[in-house]
C-alpha cells in the first residue's frame, strides 16, 4: 500500500500586485498528490474580478511602474539575484513540485538546480545593445531601430514542468522590461505560488509578476482581454488553437509551444547500446509526460529485433514507486484523467492491430501507475502513432531505406523534436536537414539549454522559446528617423 498523507492541506494564496490574496469570493481548489492520491494543498480559485485585478496590476506596472524604466543593467542585476535565490532553495522547491505532479524528486532537484541559468543567460541578453543604425540611402536622415518591451504578458503553463516552462517565458520577458501574469495548471499550482515568494524576495517591483490560480475560465478570460499584449502558452494543440482564435480578435501576439509525436530514427549503423539508452530516456523519463517525448521509434528493419530485445530487457527492470525515493525510476501519471487516457489509448492500439510487447496496464502498485509500455507492429496510420499519448508508451515502426525513414518521421501533424541514431556523419546531416522538427538530436535525446531555441513546426507551435529568438518574442521593433538639416523639404515628396 502507498503511504497516505495525514496532515491537513497546506493553504496558499495568490500573488497579485505585490500582495498575497485569496479569491475575492473565497473559493478554493484542492491539489492532489498523484502518488498518495490525497489532497495536500489548497489554493484560491480566482474569480473574474481577481483576473481583472491582476491584469490591472500588470498593466499599471508596465505603463507607470519602474521596471520598464530601469536600465538593462539594473534588470540584469535583479534577475541574477532571483537566480541565486532559486539555487539556494532548489531542493525545497523541487520537493514541492514533486509532491504536486508526481515527478521524481531527483529529476526535479536537477531541474531546479539548472533553472538559475535562464536568469543568468537572459540577464546577459538584457544588457546587450538592442537595435541598430540602418544604412540609410537618404543623406539628410539617420535611421535606427529601437527594441522595446512588448507589454503585459499572460502565460499559461502545463502540469508536467510548471515552473521550468514558466521560466522559459518569464526570464526573457523580465529581461525585455515586460510585466507578467501566469496561470499555472489547476492540477499543479503550488510550485508557482512558492516561486512567487522568491520573486518578492529578489526585489522585483509589485505588479511586475503576478500569479493567478484557477481553472480554464481564468485562462479564457486572460487570453481574450485586450489589455494583454502577448500570450505565451505551453500545452496541447487543441487548446493552442482556441488561444490563437481568441488572440486574433485583439491582434494579441502569441507564442505557442504545443504537442509532439516525436520520432527516434534508428539506423543499422548506429551504436545500439547508445541508441537503446537514448530511446529509454526519451520516452520513459518523466513517465513520458513531456512534449518532446520520443514516442515513435522508427527503426531499420535489420536491427529491429535487436533493439526491441534490448529495450524489453531494460523496461522490465524499471523501478516504479514513491517519487521521493532515490531508487525510484518512474513515478505515477500526474492525474487520474491522464492515467485513464494512457490505458485507453493502449487498448485502442491493440484493437487496431498493434502488439503489446510489454506493459499496457496498471502496475501492481495500483494508483495512477502505468507500466512502461512497448507496442510493436505499429503502422503510421494507427491512432497511437498519430496522437499524443503523454505517457510511458513507445510505438515501434520499421523502415528499410533512408527515404522511407524520413517519410515516416515527417508523416505527422506535429514537428517538435526528433532523434537520429547513426555513426555516418553524412547521413546524420542529410536526415537532420530533411526532418521537419524544431529540435533534432543526433546520437542523443532530450537535452536543452537557455541559449538554444526551442519550438515546433506545423501543429507543434508558433514562435520559439530560449535563445536570441526567445528574447525577440518579447520585444517590439520601432524604426526612428532623424532629419539632419532642420529644413522643411517639399511636403509632397517622401524622404
Protein backbone atom coordinates (compact mmCIF):
# COMPACT_ATOMS: atom_id res chain seq x y z
CA UNK A 1 0.00 0.00 0.00
CA UNK A 2 1.13 3.55 -0.70
CA UNK A 3 1.78 5.84 2.22
CA UNK A 4 -1.11 8.23 2.72
CA UNK A 5 -0.98 11.89 3.74
CA UNK A 6 -2.29 12.58 7.23
CA UNK A 7 -1.57 16.30 7.66
CA UNK A 8 -4.29 18.84 6.79
CA UNK A 9 -3.88 20.54 3.40
CA UNK A 10 -1.48 23.47 3.30
CA UNK A 11 -3.12 26.80 2.47
CA UNK A 12 -1.68 29.04 -0.25
CA UNK A 13 -2.61 32.47 -1.59
CA UNK A 14 -2.27 34.15 -4.97
CA UNK A 15 0.30 36.87 -5.65
CA UNK A 16 -1.27 39.90 -7.32
CA UNK A 17 0.15 43.40 -7.44
CA UNK A 18 2.70 42.56 -4.77
CA UNK A 19 0.03 41.29 -2.35
CA UNK A 20 -0.82 37.80 -1.16
CA UNK A 21 -4.56 37.37 -1.58
CA UNK A 22 -7.31 34.78 -1.58
CA UNK A 23 -10.06 34.63 -4.17
CA UNK A 24 -12.45 37.57 -3.91
CA UNK A 25 -15.35 35.13 -3.48
CA UNK A 26 -13.32 32.87 -1.12
CA UNK A 27 -13.50 29.86 -3.45
CA UNK A 28 -10.62 27.37 -3.37
CA UNK A 29 -9.20 24.50 -5.39
CA UNK A 30 -7.52 21.43 -3.99
CA UNK A 31 -4.25 19.96 -5.25
CA UNK A 32 -3.87 16.18 -5.10
CA UNK A 33 -0.59 14.33 -4.60
CA UNK A 34 -0.53 11.86 -7.54
CA UNK A 35 1.39 9.28 -5.52
CA UNK A 36 -0.79 9.20 -2.41
CA UNK A 37 -3.94 10.41 -4.23
CA UNK A 38 -4.63 12.60 -1.21
CA UNK A 39 -5.32 16.33 -1.09
CA UNK A 40 -2.18 18.04 0.15
CA UNK A 41 -2.71 21.73 -0.66
CA UNK A 42 -5.48 24.26 -1.15
CA UNK A 43 -5.17 27.31 -3.43
CA UNK A 44 -7.53 30.14 -4.39
CA UNK A 45 -9.91 29.62 -7.30
CA UNK A 46 -9.65 33.03 -8.95
CA UNK A 47 -12.83 34.87 -9.86
CA UNK A 48 -13.38 37.13 -12.86
CA UNK A 49 -12.78 40.04 -10.51
CA UNK A 50 -9.41 38.58 -9.49
CA UNK A 51 -8.35 38.18 -13.13
CA UNK A 52 -9.31 41.79 -13.77
CA UNK A 53 -7.32 42.89 -10.72
CA UNK A 54 -4.23 41.01 -11.92
CA UNK A 55 -4.46 42.49 -15.42
CA UNK A 56 -4.89 45.95 -13.94
CA UNK A 57 -1.85 45.41 -11.72
CA UNK A 58 0.32 44.23 -14.61
CA UNK A 59 -0.97 46.98 -16.91
CA UNK A 60 -0.30 49.71 -14.36
CA UNK A 61 3.13 48.28 -13.53
CA UNK A 62 4.04 48.35 -17.21
CA UNK A 63 2.55 51.74 -18.07
CA UNK A 64 3.51 53.61 -14.89
CA UNK A 65 5.83 51.44 -12.81
CA UNK A 66 9.61 51.45 -12.52
CA UNK A 67 10.51 48.10 -14.12
CA UNK A 68 10.18 49.24 -17.72
CA UNK A 69 12.20 52.37 -16.92
CA UNK A 70 15.12 50.55 -15.31
CA UNK A 71 18.30 50.19 -17.30
CA UNK A 72 19.09 46.78 -18.77
CA UNK A 73 21.96 46.51 -16.29
CA UNK A 74 19.60 47.10 -13.37
CA UNK A 75 17.16 44.49 -14.60
CA UNK A 76 20.04 42.09 -15.12
CA UNK A 77 21.23 42.54 -11.53
CA UNK A 78 17.77 41.76 -10.14
CA UNK A 79 17.43 38.73 -12.39
CA UNK A 80 20.78 37.36 -11.25
CA UNK A 81 19.65 37.75 -7.65
CA UNK A 82 16.50 35.77 -8.44
CA UNK A 83 18.67 33.07 -9.99
CA UNK A 84 20.75 32.91 -6.80
CA UNK A 85 17.61 32.52 -4.68
CA UNK A 86 16.43 29.65 -6.88
CA UNK A 87 19.77 27.93 -6.43
CA UNK A 88 19.56 28.45 -2.66
CA UNK A 89 16.08 26.87 -2.41
CA UNK A 90 16.36 24.32 -5.22
CA UNK A 91 15.82 21.22 -3.10
CA UNK A 92 12.91 22.74 -1.19
CA UNK A 93 11.22 23.87 -4.39
CA UNK A 94 11.84 20.52 -6.07
CA UNK A 95 10.12 18.73 -3.22
CA UNK A 96 7.06 20.96 -3.58
CA UNK A 97 6.85 20.34 -7.31
CA UNK A 98 7.35 16.60 -7.00
CA UNK A 99 4.55 16.45 -4.44
CA UNK A 100 2.31 18.39 -6.81
CA UNK A 101 2.89 16.48 -10.06
CA UNK A 102 4.44 13.13 -9.11
CA UNK A 103 7.72 13.52 -11.00
CA UNK A 104 10.85 12.03 -9.49
CA UNK A 105 12.40 14.17 -6.78
CA UNK A 106 15.89 13.52 -8.13
CA UNK A 107 14.79 14.74 -11.57
CA UNK A 108 13.13 17.80 -10.05
CA UNK A 109 16.20 18.65 -7.97
CA UNK A 110 18.40 18.53 -11.07
CA UNK A 111 15.86 20.66 -12.96
CA UNK A 112 15.64 23.29 -10.22
CA UNK A 113 19.41 23.47 -9.87
CA UNK A 114 19.61 24.22 -13.59
CA UNK A 115 16.86 26.86 -13.63
CA UNK A 116 19.08 29.76 -12.46
CA UNK A 117 20.90 29.54 -15.79
CA UNK A 118 17.85 31.03 -17.54
CA UNK A 119 18.06 34.16 -15.41
CA UNK A 120 21.83 34.43 -15.82
CA UNK A 121 21.58 33.95 -19.59
CA UNK A 122 18.75 36.40 -20.13
CA UNK A 123 20.33 38.88 -17.74
CA UNK A 124 23.10 38.95 -20.31
CA UNK A 125 20.57 39.36 -23.10
CA UNK A 126 19.02 42.33 -21.27
CA UNK A 127 22.35 44.11 -21.12
CA UNK A 128 23.12 43.66 -24.81
CA UNK A 129 22.92 46.54 -27.24
CA UNK A 130 19.49 46.18 -28.84
CA UNK A 131 18.59 47.94 -32.06
CA UNK A 132 20.83 49.02 -34.90
CA UNK A 133 21.79 52.02 -37.03
CA UNK A 134 20.41 51.43 -40.51
CA UNK A 135 22.25 52.12 -43.79
CA UNK A 136 20.03 54.99 -44.95
CA UNK A 137 20.17 55.95 -48.63
CA UNK A 138 18.97 59.47 -47.71
CA UNK A 139 21.92 61.74 -46.81
CA UNK A 140 19.75 64.08 -44.76
CA UNK A 141 18.49 61.29 -42.46
CA UNK A 142 19.82 58.95 -39.83
CA UNK A 143 17.65 55.88 -39.33
CA UNK A 144 17.87 53.42 -36.48
CA UNK A 145 15.77 50.82 -34.69
CA UNK A 146 14.80 50.54 -31.05
CA UNK A 147 13.79 47.34 -29.29
CA UNK A 148 11.04 47.95 -26.76
CA UNK A 149 9.18 45.59 -24.39
CA UNK A 150 6.02 44.14 -25.85
CA UNK A 151 3.99 44.96 -22.73
CA UNK A 152 1.79 42.81 -20.49
CA UNK A 153 2.42 39.07 -20.92
CA UNK A 154 -0.10 36.39 -19.95
CA UNK A 155 1.45 32.94 -19.58
CA UNK A 156 -0.46 29.69 -19.23
CA UNK A 157 1.67 26.73 -18.19
CA UNK A 158 1.12 22.94 -18.06
CA UNK A 159 1.29 20.48 -15.20
CA UNK A 160 4.33 18.46 -16.24
CA UNK A 161 7.08 21.05 -15.54
CA UNK A 162 5.17 24.08 -14.25
CA UNK A 163 7.98 26.38 -13.17
CA UNK A 164 10.63 25.44 -15.73
CA UNK A 165 8.21 26.09 -18.59
CA UNK A 166 7.11 29.32 -16.95
CA UNK A 167 10.74 30.44 -16.63
CA UNK A 168 11.26 29.88 -20.36
CA UNK A 169 8.74 32.71 -20.74
CA UNK A 170 9.43 34.81 -17.64
CA UNK A 171 13.20 35.23 -17.98
CA UNK A 172 13.13 36.84 -21.46
CA UNK A 173 10.01 38.84 -20.54
CA UNK A 174 11.73 40.32 -17.48
CA UNK A 175 14.88 40.99 -19.45
CA UNK A 176 12.85 42.88 -22.05
CA UNK A 177 11.09 45.01 -19.42
CA UNK A 178 7.65 43.38 -19.66
CA UNK A 179 5.21 42.66 -16.86
CA UNK A 180 3.86 39.17 -16.38
CA UNK A 181 0.79 37.22 -15.28
CA UNK A 182 0.97 33.44 -15.03
CA UNK A 183 -1.83 30.94 -14.64
CA UNK A 184 -0.38 27.52 -13.81
CA UNK A 185 -2.36 24.36 -14.43
CA UNK A 186 -5.10 23.85 -11.85
CA UNK A 187 -3.59 20.41 -11.26
CA UNK A 188 -0.15 21.74 -10.23
CA UNK A 189 -0.42 25.32 -8.95
CA UNK A 190 1.63 25.19 -5.78
CA UNK A 191 5.22 25.40 -7.02
CA UNK A 192 4.42 28.56 -8.99
CA UNK A 193 2.98 30.19 -5.86
CA UNK A 194 6.08 29.16 -3.90
CA UNK A 195 8.24 30.62 -6.66
CA UNK A 196 6.46 33.97 -6.28
CA UNK A 197 7.98 34.27 -2.80
CA UNK A 198 11.43 34.21 -4.39
CA UNK A 199 10.36 36.88 -6.87
CA UNK A 200 9.24 39.05 -3.97
CA UNK A 201 12.48 38.45 -2.08
CA UNK A 202 14.54 39.32 -5.17
CA UNK A 203 13.02 42.80 -5.14
CA UNK A 204 11.07 42.69 -8.39
CA UNK A 205 8.54 45.56 -8.09
CA UNK A 206 4.85 44.93 -7.32
CA UNK A 207 2.72 44.16 -10.35
CA UNK A 208 5.63 43.00 -12.49
CA UNK A 209 4.98 39.34 -11.62
CA UNK A 210 1.51 38.03 -10.76
CA UNK A 211 0.15 34.53 -10.16
CA UNK A 212 -3.50 33.58 -10.73
CA UNK A 213 -4.68 30.10 -9.77
CA UNK A 214 -7.86 28.56 -11.09
CA UNK A 215 -9.41 26.54 -13.85
CA UNK A 216 -9.95 27.04 -17.59
CA UNK A 217 -12.25 30.05 -17.13
CA UNK A 218 -9.30 32.03 -15.74
CA UNK A 219 -7.25 31.23 -18.81
CA UNK A 220 -10.07 32.09 -21.20
CA UNK A 221 -10.52 35.50 -19.58
CA UNK A 222 -6.79 36.21 -19.68
CA UNK A 223 -6.30 35.40 -23.35
CA UNK A 224 -9.36 37.37 -24.50
CA UNK A 225 -8.57 40.61 -22.64
CA UNK A 226 -7.41 43.44 -24.95
CA UNK A 227 -5.14 44.83 -22.20
CA UNK A 228 -2.89 41.80 -22.59
CA UNK A 229 -0.20 42.40 -25.22
CA UNK A 230 1.18 38.88 -25.54
CA UNK A 231 0.11 35.35 -24.71
CA UNK A 232 2.69 32.62 -24.07
CA UNK A 233 1.23 29.13 -23.82
CA UNK A 234 2.55 25.60 -23.41
CA UNK A 235 0.08 22.76 -23.78
CA UNK A 236 -1.98 20.78 -26.27
CA UNK A 237 -2.51 21.80 -29.86
CA UNK A 238 -6.29 21.80 -29.38
CA UNK A 239 -6.09 24.40 -26.61
CA UNK A 240 -3.43 26.26 -28.61
CA UNK A 241 -5.92 26.65 -31.47
CA UNK A 242 -8.54 28.10 -29.11
CA UNK A 243 -5.99 30.56 -27.71
CA UNK A 244 -4.90 31.63 -31.19
CA UNK A 245 -8.53 32.27 -32.15
CA UNK A 246 -9.15 34.34 -29.00
CA UNK A 247 -5.92 36.30 -29.51
CA UNK A 248 -6.84 37.10 -33.11
CA UNK A 249 -9.80 39.22 -32.02
CA UNK A 250 -7.42 41.69 -30.37
CA UNK A 251 -4.37 41.08 -32.58
CA UNK A 252 -2.60 39.90 -29.42
CA UNK A 253 0.86 38.47 -30.07
CA UNK A 254 1.15 34.75 -29.32
CA UNK A 255 3.82 32.13 -28.87
CA UNK A 256 2.56 28.57 -28.63
CA UNK A 257 4.67 25.60 -27.59
CA UNK A 258 2.38 22.67 -28.28
CA UNK A 259 2.46 18.91 -28.52
CA UNK A 260 4.61 16.41 -30.31
CA UNK A 261 4.72 12.91 -31.74
CA UNK A 262 8.46 12.92 -31.99
CA UNK A 263 10.36 10.22 -33.92
CA UNK A 264 13.55 8.50 -32.88
CA UNK A 265 15.10 7.21 -36.12
CA UNK A 266 17.49 4.30 -35.60
CA UNK A 267 19.74 3.27 -38.49
CA UNK A 268 21.56 -0.05 -38.57
CA UNK A 269 24.97 1.68 -38.47
CA UNK A 270 24.37 3.25 -35.04
CA UNK A 271 25.81 2.39 -31.65
CA UNK A 272 23.00 0.10 -30.49
CA UNK A 273 23.81 0.50 -26.80
CA UNK A 274 23.75 4.30 -27.02
CA UNK A 275 20.55 4.20 -29.05
CA UNK A 276 18.81 1.98 -26.51
CA UNK A 277 19.84 4.36 -23.73
CA UNK A 278 18.55 7.37 -25.67
CA UNK A 279 15.26 5.70 -26.52
CA UNK A 280 14.67 4.75 -22.89
CA UNK A 281 15.41 8.26 -21.70
CA UNK A 282 13.34 9.84 -24.43
CA UNK A 283 10.09 8.05 -23.59
CA UNK A 284 10.22 6.65 -20.06
CA UNK A 285 11.93 9.50 -18.21
CA UNK A 286 9.35 11.75 -16.55
CA UNK A 287 6.82 8.92 -17.11
CA UNK A 288 6.66 10.01 -20.75
CA UNK A 289 4.91 13.21 -19.71
CA UNK A 290 6.97 15.63 -21.78
CA UNK A 291 6.11 17.43 -25.01
CA UNK A 292 9.42 16.30 -26.53
CA UNK A 293 8.95 12.61 -25.63
CA UNK A 294 10.39 10.34 -28.32
CA UNK A 295 7.20 8.33 -28.60
CA UNK A 296 7.68 6.92 -32.13
CA UNK A 297 10.64 4.58 -32.57
CA UNK A 298 11.32 4.30 -36.31
CA UNK A 299 13.92 1.55 -36.56
CA UNK A 300 15.64 -0.01 -39.57
CA UNK A 301 14.30 -3.50 -40.13
CA UNK A 302 17.71 -5.18 -39.94
CA UNK A 303 18.20 -4.10 -36.30
CA UNK A 304 14.55 -4.05 -35.21
CA UNK A 305 14.66 -7.32 -33.28
CA UNK A 306 17.91 -6.47 -31.51
CA UNK A 307 16.77 -3.00 -30.47
CA UNK A 308 13.42 -4.30 -29.22
CA UNK A 309 15.19 -7.09 -27.31
CA UNK A 310 17.44 -4.57 -25.56
CA UNK A 311 14.52 -2.30 -24.74
CA UNK A 312 12.40 -5.14 -23.34
CA UNK A 313 15.31 -6.32 -21.23
CA UNK A 314 15.59 -2.86 -19.65
CA UNK A 315 11.96 -1.84 -19.44
CA UNK A 316 11.14 -4.86 -17.30
CA UNK A 317 13.56 -3.65 -14.64
CA UNK A 318 12.33 -0.04 -14.37
CA UNK A 319 11.61 0.62 -10.68
CA UNK A 320 8.22 2.23 -10.12
CA UNK A 321 7.41 3.77 -6.76
CA UNK A 322 7.47 6.77 -4.47
CA UNK A 323 8.77 9.77 -6.45
CA UNK A 324 10.59 10.95 -3.32
CA UNK A 325 12.62 7.73 -3.03
CA UNK A 326 16.09 7.91 -4.61
CA UNK A 327 15.83 4.40 -6.09
CA UNK A 328 12.59 5.12 -7.98
CA UNK A 329 13.00 5.40 -11.76
CA UNK A 330 9.43 6.14 -12.81
CA UNK A 331 6.57 7.78 -10.95
CA UNK A 332 2.80 7.80 -11.48
CA UNK A 333 0.74 9.63 -14.04
CA UNK A 334 0.09 13.15 -12.80
CA UNK A 335 -3.71 12.88 -12.75
CA UNK A 336 -6.40 10.24 -12.84
CA UNK A 337 -7.57 11.60 -16.20
CA UNK A 338 -4.10 11.12 -17.68
CA UNK A 339 -3.84 7.64 -16.18
CA UNK A 340 -7.12 6.60 -17.80
CA UNK A 341 -6.22 8.26 -21.11
CA UNK A 342 -2.96 6.32 -21.42
CA UNK A 343 -4.62 2.96 -20.74
CA UNK A 344 -7.47 3.68 -23.15
CA UNK A 345 -5.08 4.64 -25.95
CA UNK A 346 -3.07 1.45 -25.48
CA UNK A 347 -6.29 -0.59 -25.55
CA UNK A 348 -7.32 1.14 -28.77
CA UNK A 349 -3.90 0.46 -30.31
CA UNK A 350 -4.25 -3.24 -29.64
CA UNK A 351 -7.70 -3.17 -31.24
CA UNK A 352 -6.13 -1.58 -34.34
CA UNK A 353 -3.56 -4.36 -34.62
CA UNK A 354 -0.57 -3.31 -32.51
CA UNK A 355 1.10 -5.88 -30.25
CA UNK A 356 1.71 -5.09 -26.59
CA UNK A 357 5.24 -6.38 -26.19
CA UNK A 358 5.28 -5.20 -22.58
CA UNK A 359 3.09 -3.21 -20.21
CA UNK A 360 -0.16 -1.66 -21.30
CA UNK A 361 -1.87 -1.95 -17.95
CA UNK A 362 -1.96 -0.59 -14.43
CA UNK A 363 1.09 -1.54 -12.38
CA UNK A 364 0.72 -3.77 -9.33
CA UNK A 365 1.29 -0.70 -7.12
CA UNK A 366 -2.19 0.47 -8.08
CA UNK A 367 -3.00 4.16 -8.03
CA UNK A 368 -2.03 6.17 -11.11
CA UNK A 369 0.88 3.89 -12.03
CA UNK A 370 1.01 2.66 -15.63
CA UNK A 371 3.53 0.00 -16.56
CA UNK A 372 6.10 1.30 -19.08
CA UNK A 373 4.73 0.08 -22.39
CA UNK A 374 6.25 -1.01 -25.69
CA UNK A 375 3.99 -1.56 -28.69
CA UNK A 376 5.34 -3.38 -31.74
CA UNK A 377 3.79 -3.87 -35.16
CA UNK A 378 2.66 -0.25 -35.21
CA UNK A 379 1.95 1.42 -38.53
CA UNK A 380 1.85 5.15 -39.03
CA UNK A 381 -1.87 5.20 -39.80
CA UNK A 382 -2.79 3.88 -36.35
CA UNK A 383 -4.22 6.34 -33.83
CA UNK A 384 -1.42 5.56 -31.38
CA UNK A 385 1.09 6.78 -34.00
CA UNK A 386 -0.89 9.91 -34.83
CA UNK A 387 -2.00 11.33 -31.48
CA UNK A 388 0.00 12.40 -28.45
CA UNK A 389 -0.28 9.96 -25.53
CA UNK A 390 1.72 11.95 -22.97
CA UNK A 391 2.60 8.81 -21.07
CA UNK A 392 5.17 5.98 -20.96
CA UNK A 393 4.16 4.37 -24.26
CA UNK A 394 6.62 3.65 -27.08
CA UNK A 395 5.30 2.78 -30.55
CA UNK A 396 7.74 0.81 -32.72
CA UNK A 397 7.67 1.19 -36.52
CA UNK A 398 10.07 -0.22 -39.11
CA UNK A 399 11.70 1.06 -42.30
CA UNK A 400 14.07 -0.23 -44.95
CA UNK A 401 15.55 2.84 -46.65
CA UNK A 402 16.65 6.30 -45.58
CA UNK A 403 13.97 7.95 -47.69
CA UNK A 404 11.31 5.78 -46.08
CA UNK A 405 12.56 6.73 -42.60
CA UNK A 406 12.30 10.44 -43.44
CA UNK A 407 8.84 9.98 -44.90
CA UNK A 408 7.61 8.18 -41.78
CA UNK A 409 9.20 10.76 -39.48
CA UNK A 410 7.50 13.63 -41.29
CA UNK A 411 4.14 11.90 -41.70
CA UNK A 412 2.58 13.61 -38.68
CA UNK A 413 0.81 16.87 -37.95
CA UNK A 414 3.46 17.59 -35.33
CA UNK A 415 7.04 18.76 -35.69
CA UNK A 416 8.53 19.42 -32.28
CA UNK A 417 11.56 17.16 -31.93
CA UNK A 418 13.41 14.19 -33.41
CA UNK A 419 16.33 11.91 -32.65
CA UNK A 420 18.69 10.42 -35.24
CA UNK A 421 20.92 7.47 -34.39
CA UNK A 422 23.75 6.81 -36.86
CA UNK A 423 27.54 6.85 -36.91
CA UNK A 424 27.54 8.02 -40.54
CA UNK A 425 28.19 11.76 -40.36
CA UNK A 426 26.95 12.43 -43.89
CA UNK A 427 23.70 10.60 -43.20
CA UNK A 428 23.27 12.45 -39.90
CA UNK A 429 23.43 15.81 -41.67
CA UNK A 430 21.22 14.69 -44.57
CA UNK A 431 18.47 13.39 -42.34
CA UNK A 432 18.64 16.28 -39.85
CA UNK A 433 18.11 18.70 -42.75
CA UNK A 434 15.07 16.80 -44.05
CA UNK A 435 13.23 16.06 -40.82
CA UNK A 436 10.57 18.69 -40.14
CA UNK A 437 11.16 19.34 -36.44
CA UNK A 438 12.20 22.32 -34.34
CA UNK A 439 14.87 20.38 -32.41
CA UNK A 440 16.92 17.48 -33.74
CA UNK A 441 19.34 15.47 -31.64
CA UNK A 442 21.98 13.27 -33.25
CA UNK A 443 23.11 10.32 -31.14
CA UNK A 444 21.42 11.92 -28.12
CA UNK A 445 17.96 12.91 -26.97
CA UNK A 446 16.08 15.25 -24.62
CA UNK A 447 18.67 17.89 -23.81
CA UNK A 448 18.11 21.64 -23.85
CA UNK A 449 19.51 24.93 -22.54
CA UNK A 450 18.57 28.60 -22.20
CA UNK A 451 20.74 29.52 -25.21
CA UNK A 452 19.14 27.03 -27.68
CA UNK A 453 15.83 27.99 -29.34
CA UNK A 454 13.02 25.52 -28.69
CA UNK A 455 9.73 25.26 -30.54
CA UNK A 456 7.98 23.37 -33.26
CA UNK A 457 6.95 23.14 -36.88
CA UNK A 458 3.35 22.56 -38.01
CA UNK A 459 0.90 21.84 -35.14
CA UNK A 460 3.72 21.86 -32.61
CA UNK A 461 3.51 25.60 -32.26
CA UNK A 462 4.26 29.16 -33.23
CA UNK A 463 7.41 31.02 -32.23
CA UNK A 464 10.43 29.96 -30.23
CA UNK A 465 11.44 29.92 -26.58
CA UNK A 466 15.02 30.32 -25.32
CA UNK A 467 17.98 31.82 -27.08
CA UNK A 468 18.09 35.07 -29.02
CA UNK A 469 14.89 34.06 -30.82
CA UNK A 470 13.14 33.58 -27.49
CA UNK A 471 14.14 37.08 -26.39
CA UNK A 472 12.78 38.54 -29.63
CA UNK A 473 9.31 37.17 -28.80
CA UNK A 474 9.02 39.78 -26.01
CA UNK A 475 10.25 42.81 -27.96
CA UNK A 476 8.69 45.16 -30.46
CA UNK A 477 10.81 46.85 -33.13
CA UNK A 478 10.46 50.59 -33.68
CA UNK A 479 12.10 52.47 -36.55
CA UNK A 480 13.25 56.03 -35.79
CA UNK A 481 14.14 58.60 -38.49
CA UNK A 482 16.05 61.81 -37.67
CA UNK A 483 16.19 64.62 -40.22
CA UNK A 484 19.61 66.30 -40.05
CA UNK A 485 19.31 69.62 -41.89
CA UNK A 486 16.43 71.13 -39.94
CA UNK A 487 14.96 72.48 -43.17
CA UNK A 488 11.48 71.74 -44.44
CA UNK A 489 11.60 70.00 -47.77
CA UNK A 490 8.90 69.65 -50.37
CA UNK A 491 5.92 68.35 -48.32
CA UNK A 492 4.71 66.29 -51.27
CA UNK A 493 7.97 64.35 -51.69
CA UNK A 494 8.66 61.44 -49.34
CA UNK A 495 12.17 61.49 -47.88
